[in-house]
Every structure is written in structure tokens, then in C-alpha cells.
């Protein structure tokens, strides 16, 4: 399994993790109903970014581009599509907490090229997933509005749709791939234009 930093799979993995923490019927069914869909995230990233061979994605690029141009807009879109736009700030805050933890707990992956070999990407993905539940549990109070039975029903219905897995998530990976090479040269003085985003 493969995953790119805490960027594209973050929202989905958070929902999957939330389903472990609560007992409402639909919330507990969420993980099983997702089947292999979260693995599509890994496949898409491998195919759209790593297999191209010219990108060197790094966790350290998160603040440079991915947070503002991929994660925040994707959370906004997903929450709107689920009919929960008023709950967007909850996931935005949680995403920031996950990134902080990843930088500490998955430190050995922060500055390396995640596509350098399958083991690196897989190791990072495993580290990210291992640290999601503790972050969720630390922020449980703020997440309660997302895990009631009515909320889980909306989330469950949305997460089962192919659109999320086959269109929404890959679209943000395409955006990332379009600027990934430039991100690697930013330290040398190259400025990333928002026109390419």
C-alpha cells in the first residue's frame, strides 16, 4: 500500500479512523463498507506521481503547497458534497494536528523522496496510519459533531460513492503532480506560481 505524505489520503483515513472510535451503528459499519477503497488512494498516488519518475514528493512540501492547494480545498469539497459544510473547520483543525504528529512520529520520512522506492512510501503510509487513531482520540471532544448517527449516515453514503475514489482524490493528485517538480527546486530560488495550480 502506498500513500503520499498526509496530503491526499488524510481526509479519508480520518473518516475511517473515526469509525473505530465510536459505537453508533452506522459509524461502526463505515470501515467494513469502505472495503478496499482507501487502498485506491495509494494506487492512484503511485500511478499518478511515483510512476512518472520525475517527481520527488516530500512531507516537507506540505506547507509549501499541499496544505493550501490540495488538503484544504479537498476537505472543503468533501464536506460540501456530504452536506456538512458547517463542519469543515473540524477536519481542517484535525488535519493540522495530524501533520504535527507525522513530523514528529514519522520524522525519518519528512525530508526523503517518498517515491524513491516502494518500501519508503509503504513505510510512510504505515507510520501515518499508525498515528491517526491517537490523534483522533486526543481531539475526541472537538470531533463529536462528526460522529453522531445522522452525521455517520451522511459520511457513510458519501464514502461509498466511486466519485470520491476515482475522481475527487485523483484530481488533487494531478494538481500536485503538476507542481511537484517545481517544489523540489523552490529551495534554489524558484518561485511557484499559483497559475500552475
N, C-alpha and C. Protein backbone atom coordinates (compact mmCIF):
# COMPACT_ATOMS: atom_id res chain seq x y z
N UNK A 1 0.85 -1.18 0.00
CA UNK A 1 0.00 0.00 0.00
C UNK A 1 0.89 1.24 0.00
N UNK A 2 0.41 2.28 -0.68
CA UNK A 2 1.22 3.49 -0.81
C UNK A 2 0.38 4.70 -0.48
N UNK A 3 1.04 5.73 0.08
CA UNK A 3 0.34 6.98 0.38
C UNK A 3 1.31 8.14 0.32
N UNK A 4 0.89 9.26 -0.14
CA UNK A 4 1.71 10.48 -0.23
C UNK A 4 1.49 11.30 1.00
N UNK A 5 2.53 11.64 1.69
CA UNK A 5 2.53 12.40 2.92
C UNK A 5 1.18 12.35 3.58
N UNK A 6 0.78 13.42 4.23
CA UNK A 6 -0.52 13.40 4.88
C UNK A 6 -1.51 14.15 4.02
N UNK A 7 -1.22 14.24 2.75
CA UNK A 7 -1.98 15.10 1.88
C UNK A 7 -3.29 14.50 1.43
N UNK A 8 -3.27 13.62 0.44
CA UNK A 8 -4.49 13.23 -0.25
C UNK A 8 -5.33 12.21 0.50
N UNK A 9 -4.70 11.31 1.19
CA UNK A 9 -5.47 10.29 1.89
C UNK A 9 -5.92 10.70 3.26
N UNK A 10 -5.47 11.85 3.71
CA UNK A 10 -5.74 12.29 5.06
C UNK A 10 -7.21 12.33 5.41
N UNK A 11 -8.00 12.98 4.60
CA UNK A 11 -9.43 13.12 4.89
C UNK A 11 -10.09 11.76 5.00
N UNK A 12 -9.81 10.91 4.04
CA UNK A 12 -10.43 9.59 4.02
C UNK A 12 -9.98 8.75 5.20
N UNK A 13 -8.69 8.76 5.47
CA UNK A 13 -8.18 7.98 6.58
C UNK A 13 -8.72 8.47 7.91
N UNK A 14 -8.96 9.76 8.03
CA UNK A 14 -9.56 10.29 9.25
C UNK A 14 -10.96 9.72 9.44
N UNK A 15 -11.76 9.70 8.38
CA UNK A 15 -13.10 9.14 8.50
C UNK A 15 -13.05 7.66 8.87
N UNK A 16 -12.13 6.92 8.28
CA UNK A 16 -12.00 5.50 8.61
C UNK A 16 -11.61 5.35 10.07
N UNK A 17 -10.67 6.17 10.52
CA UNK A 17 -10.23 6.11 11.90
C UNK A 17 -11.35 6.48 12.86
N UNK A 18 -12.13 7.48 12.50
CA UNK A 18 -13.25 7.87 13.35
C UNK A 18 -14.20 6.70 13.58
N UNK A 19 -14.37 5.85 12.61
CA UNK A 19 -15.31 4.74 12.74
C UNK A 19 -14.87 3.75 13.80
N UNK A 20 -13.57 3.72 14.13
CA UNK A 20 -13.08 2.83 15.18
C UNK A 20 -13.41 3.35 16.57
N UNK A 21 -13.59 4.64 16.68
CA UNK A 21 -13.65 5.26 17.99
C UNK A 21 -15.05 5.34 18.57
N UNK A 22 -16.07 5.02 17.82
CA UNK A 22 -17.43 5.25 18.27
C UNK A 22 -18.32 4.05 18.05
N UNK A 23 -19.48 4.04 18.73
CA UNK A 23 -20.32 2.86 18.71
C UNK A 23 -21.65 3.04 17.98
N UNK A 24 -21.96 4.21 17.47
CA UNK A 24 -23.20 4.36 16.71
C UNK A 24 -23.18 3.36 15.56
N UNK A 25 -24.33 2.72 15.26
CA UNK A 25 -24.34 1.63 14.28
C UNK A 25 -23.71 1.97 12.93
N UNK A 26 -24.08 3.09 12.34
CA UNK A 26 -23.52 3.42 11.03
C UNK A 26 -22.03 3.74 11.15
N UNK A 27 -21.63 4.38 12.23
CA UNK A 27 -20.21 4.71 12.42
C UNK A 27 -19.37 3.44 12.48
N UNK A 28 -19.87 2.42 13.15
CA UNK A 28 -19.09 1.19 13.27
C UNK A 28 -19.07 0.39 11.97
N UNK A 29 -20.05 0.59 11.09
CA UNK A 29 -20.08 -0.12 9.81
C UNK A 29 -19.20 0.55 8.76
N UNK A 30 -18.78 1.77 9.01
CA UNK A 30 -18.10 2.56 7.99
C UNK A 30 -16.84 1.86 7.45
N UNK A 31 -15.99 1.38 8.32
CA UNK A 31 -14.73 0.77 7.87
C UNK A 31 -14.99 -0.44 6.99
N UNK A 32 -15.88 -1.32 7.40
CA UNK A 32 -16.16 -2.52 6.61
C UNK A 32 -16.78 -2.17 5.26
N UNK A 33 -17.63 -1.16 5.24
CA UNK A 33 -18.29 -0.77 4.00
C UNK A 33 -17.32 -0.17 3.00
N UNK A 34 -16.24 0.41 3.48
CA UNK A 34 -15.26 1.03 2.58
C UNK A 34 -14.47 0.00 1.78
N UNK A 35 -14.40 -1.21 2.29
CA UNK A 35 -13.69 -2.31 1.64
C UNK A 35 -12.27 -1.89 1.29
N UNK A 36 -11.93 -1.98 0.03
CA UNK A 36 -10.57 -1.66 -0.41
C UNK A 36 -10.43 -0.24 -0.95
N UNK A 37 -11.48 0.56 -0.85
CA UNK A 37 -11.41 1.90 -1.44
C UNK A 37 -10.25 2.75 -0.93
N UNK A 38 -9.95 2.76 0.37
CA UNK A 38 -8.79 3.57 0.79
C UNK A 38 -7.49 3.16 0.10
N UNK A 39 -7.37 1.89 -0.27
CA UNK A 39 -6.17 1.46 -0.97
C UNK A 39 -6.06 2.07 -2.36
N UNK A 40 -7.18 2.51 -2.92
CA UNK A 40 -7.15 3.19 -4.22
C UNK A 40 -6.32 4.46 -4.13
N UNK A 41 -6.34 5.11 -2.97
CA UNK A 41 -5.55 6.32 -2.77
C UNK A 41 -4.09 6.00 -3.03
N UNK A 42 -3.62 4.90 -2.45
CA UNK A 42 -2.23 4.51 -2.60
C UNK A 42 -1.91 4.18 -4.05
N UNK A 43 -2.80 3.45 -4.68
CA UNK A 43 -2.62 3.08 -6.09
C UNK A 43 -2.56 4.33 -6.97
N UNK A 44 -3.51 5.25 -6.77
CA UNK A 44 -3.54 6.48 -7.58
C UNK A 44 -2.26 7.29 -7.40
N UNK A 45 -1.79 7.42 -6.18
CA UNK A 45 -0.58 8.21 -5.97
C UNK A 45 0.62 7.55 -6.62
N UNK A 46 0.71 6.24 -6.46
CA UNK A 46 1.81 5.52 -7.10
C UNK A 46 1.78 5.74 -8.61
N UNK A 47 0.60 5.61 -9.19
CA UNK A 47 0.44 5.72 -10.64
C UNK A 47 0.62 7.15 -11.15
N UNK A 48 0.00 8.12 -10.47
CA UNK A 48 -0.03 9.49 -10.97
C UNK A 48 1.20 10.31 -10.60
N UNK A 49 1.91 9.90 -9.56
CA UNK A 49 3.07 10.68 -9.13
C UNK A 49 4.34 9.83 -9.19
N UNK A 50 4.40 8.77 -8.41
CA UNK A 50 5.65 8.00 -8.33
C UNK A 50 6.06 7.36 -9.65
N UNK A 51 5.12 6.73 -10.33
CA UNK A 51 5.47 6.02 -11.56
C UNK A 51 5.92 6.93 -12.69
N UNK A 52 5.67 8.22 -12.57
CA UNK A 52 6.12 9.16 -13.60
C UNK A 52 7.64 9.31 -13.55
N UNK A 53 8.23 9.03 -12.38
CA UNK A 53 9.67 9.01 -12.25
C UNK A 53 10.38 10.35 -12.21
N UNK A 54 9.65 11.44 -12.34
CA UNK A 54 10.33 12.74 -12.34
C UNK A 54 10.01 13.58 -11.12
N UNK A 55 9.24 13.03 -10.21
CA UNK A 55 8.85 13.79 -9.02
C UNK A 55 9.55 13.23 -7.79
N UNK A 56 9.79 14.10 -6.84
CA UNK A 56 10.39 13.69 -5.58
C UNK A 56 9.53 14.23 -4.45
N UNK A 57 8.37 13.64 -4.23
CA UNK A 57 7.46 14.15 -3.20
C UNK A 57 8.04 13.98 -1.80
N UNK A 58 7.86 15.01 -1.01
CA UNK A 58 8.37 15.01 0.36
C UNK A 58 7.31 15.55 1.30
N UNK A 59 7.31 15.04 2.52
CA UNK A 59 6.41 15.56 3.54
C UNK A 59 6.68 17.04 3.75
N UNK A 60 7.94 17.43 3.62
CA UNK A 60 8.30 18.83 3.84
C UNK A 60 7.66 19.77 2.82
N UNK A 61 7.13 19.25 1.72
CA UNK A 61 6.42 20.07 0.74
C UNK A 61 5.01 20.42 1.19
N UNK A 62 4.57 19.82 2.26
CA UNK A 62 3.19 20.01 2.71
C UNK A 62 2.87 21.49 2.91
N UNK A 63 3.69 22.19 3.69
CA UNK A 63 3.42 23.61 3.93
C UNK A 63 3.65 24.46 2.69
N UNK A 64 4.58 24.05 1.84
CA UNK A 64 4.89 24.83 0.64
C UNK A 64 3.73 24.87 -0.34
N UNK A 65 2.99 23.77 -0.44
CA UNK A 65 1.96 23.73 -1.46
C UNK A 65 0.73 22.90 -1.08
N UNK A 66 0.93 21.71 -0.60
CA UNK A 66 -0.17 20.74 -0.47
C UNK A 66 -1.27 21.17 0.48
N UNK A 67 -0.93 21.76 1.61
CA UNK A 67 -1.97 22.15 2.57
C UNK A 67 -2.96 23.12 1.94
N UNK A 68 -2.44 24.21 1.40
CA UNK A 68 -3.30 25.26 0.85
C UNK A 68 -3.98 24.85 -0.46
N UNK A 69 -3.29 24.12 -1.29
CA UNK A 69 -3.78 23.84 -2.64
C UNK A 69 -4.41 22.46 -2.84
N UNK A 70 -4.25 21.57 -1.88
CA UNK A 70 -4.84 20.24 -2.03
C UNK A 70 -5.68 19.86 -0.81
N UNK A 71 -5.08 19.84 0.37
CA UNK A 71 -5.79 19.34 1.54
C UNK A 71 -6.96 20.23 1.92
N UNK A 72 -6.72 21.53 2.10
CA UNK A 72 -7.83 22.42 2.48
C UNK A 72 -8.96 22.41 1.46
N UNK A 73 -8.67 22.57 0.15
CA UNK A 73 -9.77 22.52 -0.82
C UNK A 73 -10.47 21.17 -0.87
N UNK A 74 -9.71 20.08 -0.70
CA UNK A 74 -10.34 18.77 -0.74
C UNK A 74 -11.27 18.58 0.46
N UNK A 75 -10.84 18.99 1.64
CA UNK A 75 -11.71 18.91 2.81
C UNK A 75 -12.96 19.73 2.58
N UNK A 76 -12.79 20.94 2.05
CA UNK A 76 -13.94 21.81 1.78
C UNK A 76 -14.92 21.13 0.82
N UNK A 77 -14.39 20.56 -0.26
CA UNK A 77 -15.24 19.90 -1.26
C UNK A 77 -15.95 18.69 -0.67
N UNK A 78 -15.20 17.85 0.03
CA UNK A 78 -15.78 16.63 0.60
C UNK A 78 -16.88 16.97 1.59
N UNK A 79 -16.64 17.94 2.45
CA UNK A 79 -17.65 18.30 3.45
C UNK A 79 -18.88 18.92 2.78
N UNK A 80 -18.66 19.70 1.74
CA UNK A 80 -19.79 20.27 1.00
C UNK A 80 -20.58 19.17 0.31
N UNK A 81 -19.88 18.25 -0.34
CA UNK A 81 -20.54 17.15 -1.04
C UNK A 81 -21.33 16.26 -0.09
N UNK A 82 -20.88 16.15 1.15
CA UNK A 82 -21.60 15.35 2.13
C UNK A 82 -22.76 16.12 2.75
N UNK A 83 -22.85 17.40 2.44
CA UNK A 83 -23.90 18.22 3.05
C UNK A 83 -23.54 18.67 4.45
N UNK A 84 -22.24 18.76 4.73
CA UNK A 84 -21.76 19.14 6.05
C UNK A 84 -20.78 20.32 6.00
N UNK A 85 -21.06 21.35 5.18
CA UNK A 85 -20.07 22.43 5.05
C UNK A 85 -19.80 23.16 6.36
N UNK A 86 -20.76 23.17 7.26
CA UNK A 86 -20.57 23.85 8.54
C UNK A 86 -19.63 23.09 9.47
N UNK A 87 -19.26 21.87 9.11
CA UNK A 87 -18.36 21.06 9.94
C UNK A 87 -16.93 21.03 9.38
N UNK A 88 -16.70 21.76 8.31
CA UNK A 88 -15.39 21.75 7.65
C UNK A 88 -14.24 22.10 8.59
N UNK A 89 -14.44 23.10 9.44
CA UNK A 89 -13.35 23.55 10.31
C UNK A 89 -12.88 22.45 11.26
N UNK A 90 -13.75 21.52 11.59
CA UNK A 90 -13.37 20.42 12.48
C UNK A 90 -12.29 19.56 11.81
N UNK A 91 -12.50 19.22 10.55
CA UNK A 91 -11.50 18.40 9.85
C UNK A 91 -10.25 19.19 9.49
N UNK A 92 -10.41 20.48 9.19
CA UNK A 92 -9.23 21.30 8.90
C UNK A 92 -8.30 21.32 10.12
N UNK A 93 -8.89 21.49 11.29
CA UNK A 93 -8.10 21.52 12.53
C UNK A 93 -7.44 20.16 12.77
N UNK A 94 -8.20 19.09 12.56
CA UNK A 94 -7.65 17.76 12.77
C UNK A 94 -6.51 17.47 11.79
N UNK A 95 -6.65 17.90 10.55
CA UNK A 95 -5.59 17.69 9.55
C UNK A 95 -4.29 18.35 10.01
N UNK A 96 -4.39 19.54 10.56
CA UNK A 96 -3.19 20.24 11.06
C UNK A 96 -2.55 19.47 12.22
N UNK A 97 -3.38 18.90 13.09
CA UNK A 97 -2.86 18.10 14.20
C UNK A 97 -2.14 16.85 13.69
N UNK A 98 -2.72 16.22 12.68
CA UNK A 98 -2.10 15.02 12.11
C UNK A 98 -0.73 15.36 11.53
N UNK A 99 -0.62 16.47 10.83
CA UNK A 99 0.66 16.87 10.24
C UNK A 99 1.70 17.08 11.33
N UNK A 100 1.32 17.73 12.43
CA UNK A 100 2.26 17.93 13.54
C UNK A 100 2.78 16.59 14.06
N UNK A 101 1.87 15.66 14.26
CA UNK A 101 2.25 14.35 14.77
C UNK A 101 3.13 13.61 13.77
N UNK A 102 2.78 13.67 12.50
CA UNK A 102 3.55 13.00 11.46
C UNK A 102 4.99 13.52 11.45
N UNK A 103 5.15 14.81 11.60
CA UNK A 103 6.51 15.39 11.58
C UNK A 103 7.35 14.90 12.75
N UNK A 104 6.70 14.51 13.83
CA UNK A 104 7.42 14.00 14.99
C UNK A 104 7.57 12.48 14.93
N UNK A 105 6.46 11.80 14.78
CA UNK A 105 6.45 10.33 14.85
C UNK A 105 6.98 9.67 13.58
N UNK A 106 6.87 10.35 12.45
CA UNK A 106 7.34 9.79 11.17
C UNK A 106 8.51 10.62 10.66
N UNK A 107 9.29 11.13 11.58
CA UNK A 107 10.36 12.09 11.28
C UNK A 107 11.33 11.61 10.20
N UNK A 108 11.62 10.32 10.18
CA UNK A 108 12.61 9.85 9.20
C UNK A 108 12.13 9.97 7.76
N UNK A 109 10.82 10.22 7.57
CA UNK A 109 10.27 10.36 6.22
C UNK A 109 10.07 11.81 5.78
N UNK A 110 10.28 12.76 6.67
CA UNK A 110 9.92 14.15 6.40
C UNK A 110 10.69 14.74 5.22
N UNK A 111 11.97 14.48 5.10
CA UNK A 111 12.77 15.12 4.05
C UNK A 111 13.19 14.17 2.93
N UNK A 112 12.77 12.93 2.99
CA UNK A 112 13.17 11.99 1.94
C UNK A 112 12.16 11.97 0.79
N UNK A 113 12.62 11.55 -0.36
CA UNK A 113 11.76 11.36 -1.52
C UNK A 113 10.90 10.13 -1.25
N UNK A 114 9.61 10.34 -1.08
CA UNK A 114 8.71 9.23 -0.74
C UNK A 114 8.55 8.24 -1.88
N UNK A 115 8.94 8.64 -3.09
CA UNK A 115 8.85 7.74 -4.25
C UNK A 115 10.18 7.07 -4.57
N UNK A 116 11.18 7.23 -3.71
CA UNK A 116 12.49 6.67 -4.03
C UNK A 116 12.46 5.16 -4.17
N UNK A 117 11.57 4.51 -3.43
CA UNK A 117 11.36 3.07 -3.59
C UNK A 117 10.04 2.72 -2.91
N UNK A 118 9.44 1.60 -3.28
CA UNK A 118 8.15 1.24 -2.70
C UNK A 118 8.17 1.10 -1.18
N UNK A 119 9.30 0.66 -0.64
CA UNK A 119 9.39 0.46 0.81
C UNK A 119 9.29 1.79 1.57
N UNK A 120 9.87 2.85 1.02
CA UNK A 120 9.81 4.16 1.67
C UNK A 120 8.38 4.65 1.72
N UNK A 121 7.70 4.60 0.60
CA UNK A 121 6.32 5.05 0.54
C UNK A 121 5.43 4.20 1.43
N UNK A 122 5.63 2.90 1.40
CA UNK A 122 4.85 2.00 2.23
C UNK A 122 5.12 2.25 3.71
N UNK A 123 6.38 2.46 4.06
CA UNK A 123 6.74 2.74 5.45
C UNK A 123 6.11 4.02 5.95
N UNK A 124 6.13 5.05 5.10
CA UNK A 124 5.49 6.30 5.50
C UNK A 124 3.99 6.10 5.68
N UNK A 125 3.36 5.41 4.73
CA UNK A 125 1.92 5.15 4.83
C UNK A 125 1.57 4.43 6.10
N UNK A 126 2.36 3.43 6.46
CA UNK A 126 2.11 2.68 7.70
C UNK A 126 2.27 3.57 8.92
N UNK A 127 3.29 4.41 8.92
CA UNK A 127 3.52 5.33 10.04
C UNK A 127 2.36 6.30 10.18
N UNK A 128 1.91 6.86 9.06
CA UNK A 128 0.78 7.78 9.08
C UNK A 128 -0.46 7.11 9.66
N UNK A 129 -0.78 5.93 9.16
CA UNK A 129 -1.97 5.24 9.63
C UNK A 129 -1.86 4.85 11.10
N UNK A 130 -0.67 4.43 11.53
CA UNK A 130 -0.48 4.06 12.93
C UNK A 130 -0.71 5.22 13.88
N UNK A 131 -0.51 6.43 13.40
CA UNK A 131 -0.62 7.60 14.28
C UNK A 131 -1.94 8.34 14.15
N UNK A 132 -2.83 7.91 13.26
CA UNK A 132 -4.12 8.60 13.11
C UNK A 132 -5.02 8.42 14.32
N UNK A 133 -5.20 7.19 14.78
CA UNK A 133 -6.13 6.96 15.88
C UNK A 133 -5.72 7.72 17.15
N UNK A 134 -4.44 7.72 17.54
CA UNK A 134 -4.07 8.52 18.72
C UNK A 134 -4.41 10.01 18.56
N UNK A 135 -4.22 10.57 17.37
CA UNK A 135 -4.56 11.98 17.14
C UNK A 135 -6.06 12.17 17.28
N UNK A 136 -6.82 11.26 16.69
CA UNK A 136 -8.28 11.35 16.80
C UNK A 136 -8.70 11.30 18.26
N UNK A 137 -8.13 10.37 19.01
CA UNK A 137 -8.52 10.22 20.42
C UNK A 137 -8.14 11.45 21.25
N UNK A 138 -7.01 12.07 20.94
CA UNK A 138 -6.60 13.29 21.65
C UNK A 138 -7.54 14.45 21.36
N UNK A 139 -8.19 14.42 20.22
CA UNK A 139 -9.07 15.52 19.80
C UNK A 139 -10.54 15.11 19.81
N UNK A 140 -10.86 14.10 20.58
CA UNK A 140 -12.18 13.49 20.55
C UNK A 140 -13.31 14.49 20.84
N UNK A 141 -13.09 15.39 21.77
CA UNK A 141 -14.14 16.35 22.11
C UNK A 141 -14.57 17.19 20.93
N UNK A 142 -13.62 17.68 20.17
CA UNK A 142 -13.94 18.51 19.02
C UNK A 142 -14.53 17.75 17.85
N UNK A 143 -14.36 16.43 17.85
CA UNK A 143 -14.85 15.60 16.74
C UNK A 143 -16.26 15.07 16.95
N UNK A 144 -16.79 15.21 18.14
CA UNK A 144 -18.10 14.64 18.45
C UNK A 144 -19.19 15.05 17.46
N UNK A 145 -19.20 16.28 16.95
CA UNK A 145 -20.26 16.63 15.99
C UNK A 145 -20.22 15.80 14.70
N UNK A 146 -19.11 15.15 14.41
CA UNK A 146 -19.00 14.35 13.18
C UNK A 146 -19.39 12.89 13.36
N UNK A 147 -19.61 12.45 14.58
CA UNK A 147 -19.79 11.03 14.80
C UNK A 147 -21.13 10.64 15.41
N UNK A 148 -22.10 11.50 15.28
CA UNK A 148 -23.45 11.10 15.67
C UNK A 148 -24.01 10.20 14.57
N UNK A 149 -25.05 9.47 14.87
CA UNK A 149 -25.64 8.58 13.87
C UNK A 149 -26.06 9.33 12.60
N UNK A 150 -26.74 10.50 12.69
CA UNK A 150 -27.11 11.21 11.45
C UNK A 150 -25.89 11.65 10.63
N UNK A 151 -24.83 12.09 11.30
CA UNK A 151 -23.62 12.50 10.59
C UNK A 151 -22.96 11.29 9.93
N UNK A 152 -22.87 10.20 10.65
CA UNK A 152 -22.23 9.00 10.10
C UNK A 152 -23.00 8.47 8.90
N UNK A 153 -24.31 8.61 8.89
CA UNK A 153 -25.09 8.18 7.73
C UNK A 153 -24.71 8.99 6.49
N UNK A 154 -24.54 10.30 6.65
CA UNK A 154 -24.13 11.14 5.52
C UNK A 154 -22.72 10.76 5.06
N UNK A 155 -21.82 10.60 6.01
CA UNK A 155 -20.44 10.24 5.69
C UNK A 155 -20.38 8.88 5.01
N UNK A 156 -21.11 7.93 5.55
CA UNK A 156 -21.15 6.57 5.03
C UNK A 156 -21.61 6.57 3.57
N UNK A 157 -22.69 7.27 3.30
CA UNK A 157 -23.24 7.34 1.93
C UNK A 157 -22.22 7.95 0.98
N UNK A 158 -21.56 9.01 1.40
CA UNK A 158 -20.59 9.68 0.54
C UNK A 158 -19.36 8.81 0.28
N UNK A 159 -18.84 8.19 1.33
CA UNK A 159 -17.62 7.40 1.20
C UNK A 159 -17.80 6.15 0.35
N UNK A 160 -19.03 5.73 0.14
CA UNK A 160 -19.29 4.56 -0.70
C UNK A 160 -19.34 4.91 -2.19
N UNK A 161 -19.43 6.19 -2.51
CA UNK A 161 -19.53 6.60 -3.92
C UNK A 161 -18.17 6.49 -4.61
N UNK A 162 -18.20 6.05 -5.86
CA UNK A 162 -16.96 5.95 -6.64
C UNK A 162 -16.36 7.32 -6.96
N UNK A 163 -17.18 8.36 -6.99
CA UNK A 163 -16.70 9.69 -7.36
C UNK A 163 -15.53 10.13 -6.48
N UNK A 164 -15.63 9.91 -5.18
CA UNK A 164 -14.55 10.30 -4.27
C UNK A 164 -13.25 9.60 -4.64
N UNK A 165 -13.31 8.30 -4.82
CA UNK A 165 -12.12 7.49 -5.02
C UNK A 165 -11.54 7.59 -6.42
N UNK A 166 -12.42 7.75 -7.42
CA UNK A 166 -11.96 7.72 -8.81
C UNK A 166 -11.86 9.08 -9.48
N UNK A 167 -12.42 10.12 -8.87
CA UNK A 167 -12.37 11.45 -9.47
C UNK A 167 -11.81 12.51 -8.53
N UNK A 168 -12.42 12.66 -7.36
CA UNK A 168 -12.03 13.75 -6.45
C UNK A 168 -10.58 13.61 -6.00
N UNK A 169 -10.24 12.49 -5.40
CA UNK A 169 -8.88 12.31 -4.89
C UNK A 169 -7.85 12.36 -6.02
N UNK A 170 -8.04 11.64 -7.13
CA UNK A 170 -7.05 11.75 -8.22
C UNK A 170 -6.91 13.17 -8.77
N UNK A 171 -7.98 13.97 -8.77
CA UNK A 171 -7.88 15.33 -9.30
C UNK A 171 -6.89 16.16 -8.49
N UNK A 172 -6.84 15.96 -7.18
CA UNK A 172 -5.88 16.69 -6.36
C UNK A 172 -4.47 16.13 -6.54
N UNK A 173 -4.35 14.87 -6.85
CA UNK A 173 -3.04 14.29 -7.14
C UNK A 173 -2.49 14.84 -8.46
N UNK A 174 -3.36 15.03 -9.45
CA UNK A 174 -2.94 15.65 -10.70
C UNK A 174 -2.41 17.06 -10.43
N UNK A 175 -3.11 17.81 -9.60
CA UNK A 175 -2.66 19.17 -9.27
C UNK A 175 -1.30 19.12 -8.60
N UNK A 176 -1.13 18.18 -7.68
CA UNK A 176 0.15 18.06 -7.00
C UNK A 176 1.25 17.68 -8.00
N UNK A 177 0.98 16.70 -8.84
CA UNK A 177 1.98 16.26 -9.81
C UNK A 177 2.40 17.40 -10.73
N UNK A 178 1.48 18.30 -11.03
CA UNK A 178 1.78 19.42 -11.93
C UNK A 178 2.82 20.37 -11.34
N UNK A 179 2.92 20.44 -10.03
CA UNK A 179 3.88 21.36 -9.42
C UNK A 179 4.96 20.65 -8.61
N UNK A 180 4.88 19.36 -8.48
CA UNK A 180 5.81 18.62 -7.64
C UNK A 180 7.27 18.87 -8.00
N UNK A 181 7.60 18.82 -9.28
CA UNK A 181 8.98 19.03 -9.70
C UNK A 181 9.45 20.43 -9.31
N UNK A 182 8.59 21.42 -9.47
CA UNK A 182 8.95 22.79 -9.10
C UNK A 182 9.18 22.92 -7.60
N UNK A 183 8.42 22.18 -6.82
CA UNK A 183 8.59 22.23 -5.37
C UNK A 183 9.99 21.80 -4.96
N UNK A 184 10.54 20.86 -5.67
CA UNK A 184 11.87 20.37 -5.35
C UNK A 184 12.96 21.39 -5.64
N UNK A 185 12.66 22.37 -6.50
CA UNK A 185 13.64 23.40 -6.83
C UNK A 185 13.39 24.71 -6.10
N UNK A 186 12.33 24.79 -5.33
CA UNK A 186 11.99 26.04 -4.65
C UNK A 186 13.12 26.52 -3.75
N UNK A 187 13.78 25.59 -3.10
CA UNK A 187 14.88 25.97 -2.22
C UNK A 187 16.02 26.65 -2.98
N UNK A 188 16.09 26.42 -4.28
CA UNK A 188 17.14 27.03 -5.09
C UNK A 188 16.71 28.39 -5.64
N UNK A 189 15.57 28.89 -5.19
CA UNK A 189 15.15 30.22 -5.61
C UNK A 189 13.98 30.26 -6.56
N UNK A 190 13.49 29.13 -7.01
CA UNK A 190 12.35 29.10 -7.92
C UNK A 190 11.08 29.41 -7.14
N UNK A 191 10.28 30.29 -7.67
CA UNK A 191 9.02 30.62 -7.03
C UNK A 191 7.91 29.88 -7.76
N UNK A 192 7.01 29.28 -7.00
CA UNK A 192 5.90 28.54 -7.59
C UNK A 192 4.76 29.49 -7.85
N UNK A 193 4.38 29.58 -9.09
CA UNK A 193 3.27 30.45 -9.48
C UNK A 193 1.95 29.76 -9.22
N UNK A 194 0.98 30.51 -8.71
CA UNK A 194 -0.34 29.94 -8.49
C UNK A 194 -1.04 29.69 -9.81
N UNK A 195 -0.51 30.20 -10.90
CA UNK A 195 -1.12 29.96 -12.20
C UNK A 195 -1.04 28.49 -12.60
N UNK A 196 -0.05 27.77 -12.08
CA UNK A 196 0.07 26.35 -12.41
C UNK A 196 -0.79 25.48 -11.52
N UNK A 197 -1.44 26.08 -10.56
CA UNK A 197 -2.23 25.31 -9.62
C UNK A 197 -3.62 25.30 -10.10
